[in-house]
Amino acid sequence: QIRLDAQIETELNAYVPHSLTSLKNASLMRRVDSKFLVPLNLATSLLKELRNDYTILELDGLRSFNYVTTYYDTKQHTHYLDHHNGRLNRFKVRKRTYSDSDISFLEVKFKDNKSCTTKTRIASDSRIDQLDDESVDFLSELSVSDPTKLRAVQTGTYQRVALANESKGERLTIDFNLSFKDEIDDSSFSLGPWVIVELKQHKLNRDSAFFAWAKKNSI
């Protein structure tokens, strides 16, 4: 387990914890996502101000978790371009490994024409070089086109903190220490002094403690 900055760890330890099974209203496998790029030097302020509005996921004593996520696409980068061009009814295919527990899933995120995202997944191994027959069948059942033509294109590693507001049906993830590897040309890139924050809601609702903090800090 890679340690986060001591100030960040202190703020995380001040939160009331929740478990994976304790979330009902905030489980959100179907949701609206809002993403934000936040300077790392504001992360302590963010965690401090949201403490009374969110609880934190704690598993086996851990409050931050190491993720490895590999995205799959065609040679033409179809899924990336659909995302970049704002096309709806689009797919995102990835394999995610939770390094602390050595559990992996093949996941599909589908954004429909109402900008609502549905996530579906199956257990998988952590190999990224090819998709096995079970994976291809899973993707075919979800109407992902030409799943046999998908290849690993990018792998990201990061540490995630997962907050939740059960009464509002919100989850908030904060990703630290992000770095990426291009699986095609083997080049690497670090995001540097930034964190990525993602707010997940049943529908877009700006009456949120995070939105209030973001507005105050010009995010």
Protein backbone atom coordinates (compact mmCIF):
# COMPACT_ATOMS: atom_id res chain seq x y z
CA GLN A 1 0.00 0.00 0.00
CA ILE A 2 1.56 3.29 -1.16
CA ARG A 3 1.08 6.00 1.44
CA LEU A 4 -0.60 9.28 0.60
CA ASP A 5 0.68 12.61 1.88
CA ALA A 6 0.54 12.78 5.70
CA GLN A 7 -1.91 15.73 5.67
CA ILE A 8 -4.21 13.82 3.34
CA GLU A 9 -4.02 10.72 5.53
CA THR A 10 -4.89 12.82 8.59
CA GLU A 11 -8.01 14.19 6.87
CA LEU A 12 -9.07 10.72 5.69
CA ASN A 13 -8.78 9.35 9.22
CA ALA A 14 -11.21 12.02 10.48
CA TYR A 15 -14.11 10.64 8.39
CA VAL A 16 -16.85 8.31 9.59
CA PRO A 17 -16.36 5.03 7.66
CA HIS A 18 -18.81 2.96 5.63
CA SER A 19 -18.52 -0.50 4.07
CA LEU A 20 -19.34 -1.71 0.56
CA THR A 21 -22.58 -3.31 1.76
CA SER A 22 -23.82 -0.33 3.78
CA LEU A 23 -24.64 1.80 0.71
CA LYS A 24 -28.15 1.43 -0.68
CA ASN A 25 -29.22 4.80 -2.08
CA ALA A 26 -25.63 5.61 -3.14
CA SER A 27 -24.68 2.33 -4.85
CA LEU A 28 -25.27 4.01 -8.26
CA MET A 29 -24.48 1.43 -10.92
CA ARG A 30 -26.69 3.66 -13.11
CA ARG A 31 -25.87 7.32 -12.65
CA VAL A 32 -24.84 10.70 -14.00
CA ASP A 33 -21.13 11.46 -13.68
CA SER A 34 -19.50 14.87 -13.34
CA LYS A 35 -15.69 15.00 -13.52
CA PHE A 36 -13.34 17.70 -12.23
CA LEU A 37 -9.60 18.36 -12.43
CA VAL A 38 -8.50 19.73 -9.05
CA PRO A 39 -5.05 21.06 -8.06
CA LEU A 40 -3.39 18.74 -5.56
CA ASN A 41 -2.75 21.66 -3.19
CA LEU A 42 -6.53 22.01 -2.71
CA ALA A 43 -7.09 18.35 -1.79
CA THR A 44 -6.60 18.91 1.94
CA SER A 45 -9.13 21.76 1.91
CA LEU A 46 -11.56 19.61 -0.05
CA LEU A 47 -11.39 16.72 2.40
CA LYS A 48 -11.59 18.99 5.43
CA GLU A 49 -14.70 20.84 4.21
CA LEU A 50 -16.61 17.73 3.09
CA ARG A 51 -16.08 15.76 6.30
CA ASN A 52 -19.57 16.46 7.71
CA ASP A 53 -21.35 15.66 4.42
CA TYR A 54 -19.72 12.39 3.37
CA THR A 55 -18.53 9.12 4.85
CA ILE A 56 -15.50 7.19 3.58
CA LEU A 57 -15.15 3.65 2.29
CA GLU A 58 -12.98 1.57 4.62
CA LEU A 59 -11.93 -2.01 3.82
CA ASP A 60 -9.60 -4.04 6.03
CA GLY A 61 -8.43 -0.85 7.69
CA LEU A 62 -7.60 0.89 4.39
CA ARG A 63 -9.15 4.22 3.34
CA SER A 64 -7.30 4.64 0.04
CA PHE A 65 -6.96 1.93 -2.59
CA ASN A 66 -4.54 1.16 -5.41
CA TYR A 67 -6.18 0.74 -8.82
CA VAL A 68 -4.86 -0.45 -12.17
CA THR A 69 -7.23 0.20 -15.07
CA THR A 70 -6.61 -0.84 -18.68
CA TYR A 71 -8.80 0.52 -21.48
CA TYR A 72 -9.55 -1.38 -24.67
CA ASP A 73 -10.25 0.13 -28.07
CA THR A 74 -10.07 -0.58 -31.80
CA LYS A 75 -7.10 0.34 -34.00
CA GLN A 76 -9.19 3.32 -35.13
CA HIS A 77 -9.68 4.44 -31.49
CA THR A 78 -13.44 4.25 -31.98
CA HIS A 79 -14.41 4.38 -28.30
CA TYR A 80 -12.02 7.22 -27.52
CA LEU A 81 -13.25 9.30 -30.46
CA ASP A 82 -16.89 8.66 -29.53
CA HIS A 83 -16.08 10.02 -26.07
CA HIS A 84 -14.01 12.94 -27.39
CA ASN A 85 -16.73 13.95 -29.86
CA GLY A 86 -19.48 13.78 -27.24
CA ARG A 87 -21.38 10.98 -28.97
CA LEU A 88 -24.08 9.42 -26.83
CA ASN A 89 -25.06 5.74 -26.79
CA ARG A 90 -21.34 5.00 -26.51
CA PHE A 91 -19.26 2.34 -24.78
CA LYS A 92 -16.15 2.29 -22.63
CA VAL A 93 -14.45 -1.08 -22.13
CA ARG A 94 -11.87 -1.59 -19.42
CA LYS A 95 -10.29 -4.14 -17.12
CA ARG A 96 -9.85 -2.95 -13.53
CA THR A 97 -7.69 -4.58 -10.88
CA TYR A 98 -8.02 -3.68 -7.22
CA SER A 99 -4.38 -4.22 -6.32
CA ASP A 100 -4.85 -4.34 -2.54
CA SER A 101 -7.20 -7.33 -2.80
CA ASP A 102 -5.93 -8.72 -6.14
CA ILE A 103 -9.46 -8.79 -7.59
CA SER A 104 -10.13 -7.93 -11.24
CA PHE A 105 -13.22 -7.17 -13.30
CA LEU A 106 -13.94 -6.61 -16.97
CA GLU A 107 -16.24 -3.59 -17.01
CA VAL A 108 -18.41 -1.90 -19.61
CA LYS A 109 -19.73 1.61 -19.14
CA PHE A 110 -22.55 2.67 -21.47
CA LYS A 111 -23.59 6.31 -21.72
CA ASP A 112 -27.10 6.56 -23.16
CA ASN A 113 -28.82 9.37 -25.04
CA LYS A 114 -29.89 10.95 -21.74
CA SER A 115 -26.23 11.18 -20.61
CA CYS A 116 -26.88 8.51 -17.99
CA THR A 117 -24.11 5.94 -17.43
CA THR A 118 -24.74 2.26 -16.68
CA LYS A 119 -21.85 0.07 -15.52
CA THR A 120 -21.87 -3.71 -15.99
CA ARG A 121 -19.03 -6.04 -15.04
CA ILE A 122 -17.90 -9.64 -14.68
CA ALA A 123 -15.05 -11.17 -12.68
CA SER A 124 -11.87 -11.52 -14.71
CA ASP A 125 -8.17 -12.22 -14.39
CA SER A 126 -5.63 -9.39 -14.39
CA ARG A 127 -4.05 -10.25 -17.75
CA ILE A 128 -4.44 -7.44 -20.24
CA ASP A 129 -2.85 -8.87 -23.40
CA GLN A 130 -6.02 -10.45 -24.77
CA LEU A 131 -9.70 -10.88 -24.06
CA ASP A 132 -10.73 -14.51 -23.60
CA ASP A 133 -13.84 -16.14 -25.04
CA GLU A 134 -15.91 -15.46 -21.92
CA SER A 135 -15.00 -11.77 -22.12
CA VAL A 136 -15.87 -11.58 -25.81
CA ASP A 137 -19.25 -13.26 -25.15
CA PHE A 138 -19.94 -10.79 -22.32
CA LEU A 139 -19.16 -7.81 -24.57
CA SER A 140 -21.29 -9.25 -27.38
CA GLU A 141 -24.27 -9.65 -25.05
CA LEU A 142 -23.99 -5.94 -24.21
CA SER A 143 -23.93 -5.06 -27.95
CA VAL A 144 -20.34 -3.82 -27.97
CA SER A 145 -19.43 -3.93 -31.65
CA ASP A 146 -16.59 -6.15 -32.87
CA PRO A 147 -15.27 -7.18 -29.44
CA THR A 148 -12.66 -9.48 -31.04
CA LYS A 149 -11.02 -6.37 -32.56
CA LEU A 150 -10.46 -4.67 -29.22
CA ARG A 151 -6.92 -4.38 -27.87
CA ALA A 152 -5.35 -2.89 -24.75
CA VAL A 153 -4.47 0.74 -25.49
CA GLN A 154 -3.83 2.48 -22.17
CA THR A 155 -3.25 1.51 -18.54
CA GLY A 156 -3.68 3.95 -15.69
CA THR A 157 -2.51 3.51 -12.10
CA TYR A 158 -3.72 5.66 -9.22
CA GLN A 159 -4.90 5.69 -5.62
CA ARG A 160 -8.61 6.21 -5.03
CA VAL A 161 -10.49 7.60 -2.04
CA ALA A 162 -14.23 6.83 -2.16
CA LEU A 163 -16.70 9.06 -0.29
CA ALA A 164 -20.48 8.76 -0.12
CA ASN A 165 -23.49 10.77 0.99
CA GLU A 166 -26.17 8.12 1.47
CA SER A 167 -29.03 10.55 2.16
CA LYS A 168 -28.44 12.45 -1.11
CA GLY A 169 -27.55 9.35 -3.10
CA GLU A 170 -24.09 10.63 -4.02
CA ARG A 171 -20.68 9.08 -4.34
CA LEU A 172 -17.50 11.09 -4.74
CA THR A 173 -14.22 9.52 -5.83
CA ILE A 174 -10.86 11.30 -5.57
CA ASP A 175 -7.94 9.87 -7.53
CA PHE A 176 -4.34 10.68 -6.52
CA ASN A 177 -0.93 9.99 -8.08
CA LEU A 178 -2.23 9.28 -11.56
CA SER A 179 0.11 7.89 -14.20
CA PHE A 180 -0.60 6.31 -17.55
CA LYS A 181 1.13 3.93 -19.94
CA ASP A 182 0.45 3.73 -23.68
CA GLU A 183 0.17 -0.01 -24.33
CA ILE A 184 0.85 0.50 -28.05
CA ASP A 185 4.15 2.43 -27.97
CA ASP A 186 5.11 1.78 -24.31
CA SER A 187 5.41 5.49 -23.46
CA SER A 188 4.40 6.78 -20.02
CA PHE A 189 2.89 9.97 -18.65
CA SER A 190 2.30 11.28 -15.14
CA LEU A 191 -0.54 13.70 -14.46
CA GLY A 192 1.58 15.57 -11.93
CA PRO A 193 0.17 17.78 -9.11
CA TRP A 194 -3.50 17.17 -9.89
CA VAL A 195 -6.28 14.95 -8.63
CA ILE A 196 -9.35 13.83 -10.56
CA VAL A 197 -12.64 14.10 -8.71
CA GLU A 198 -15.78 12.39 -9.98
CA LEU A 199 -19.23 13.06 -8.54
CA LYS A 200 -21.74 10.27 -9.19
CA GLN A 201 -25.46 11.05 -8.75
CA HIS A 202 -28.83 9.58 -9.70
CA LYS A 203 -29.30 12.73 -11.80
CA LEU A 204 -27.37 15.97 -12.02
CA ASN A 205 -28.04 17.94 -8.84
CA ARG A 206 -25.97 21.03 -8.03
CA ASP A 207 -27.39 21.12 -4.49
CA SER A 208 -24.33 19.21 -3.36
CA ALA A 209 -21.63 19.95 -0.80
CA PHE A 210 -19.00 19.19 -3.41
CA PHE A 211 -20.51 21.56 -6.00
CA ALA A 212 -20.57 24.28 -3.33
CA TRP A 213 -16.90 23.70 -2.55
CA ALA A 214 -15.99 23.62 -6.26
CA LYS A 215 -17.78 26.90 -6.95
CA LYS A 216 -16.10 28.59 -3.98
CA ASN A 217 -12.69 27.44 -5.24
CA SER A 218 -13.34 28.27 -8.94
CA ILE A 219 -13.11 24.62 -10.01
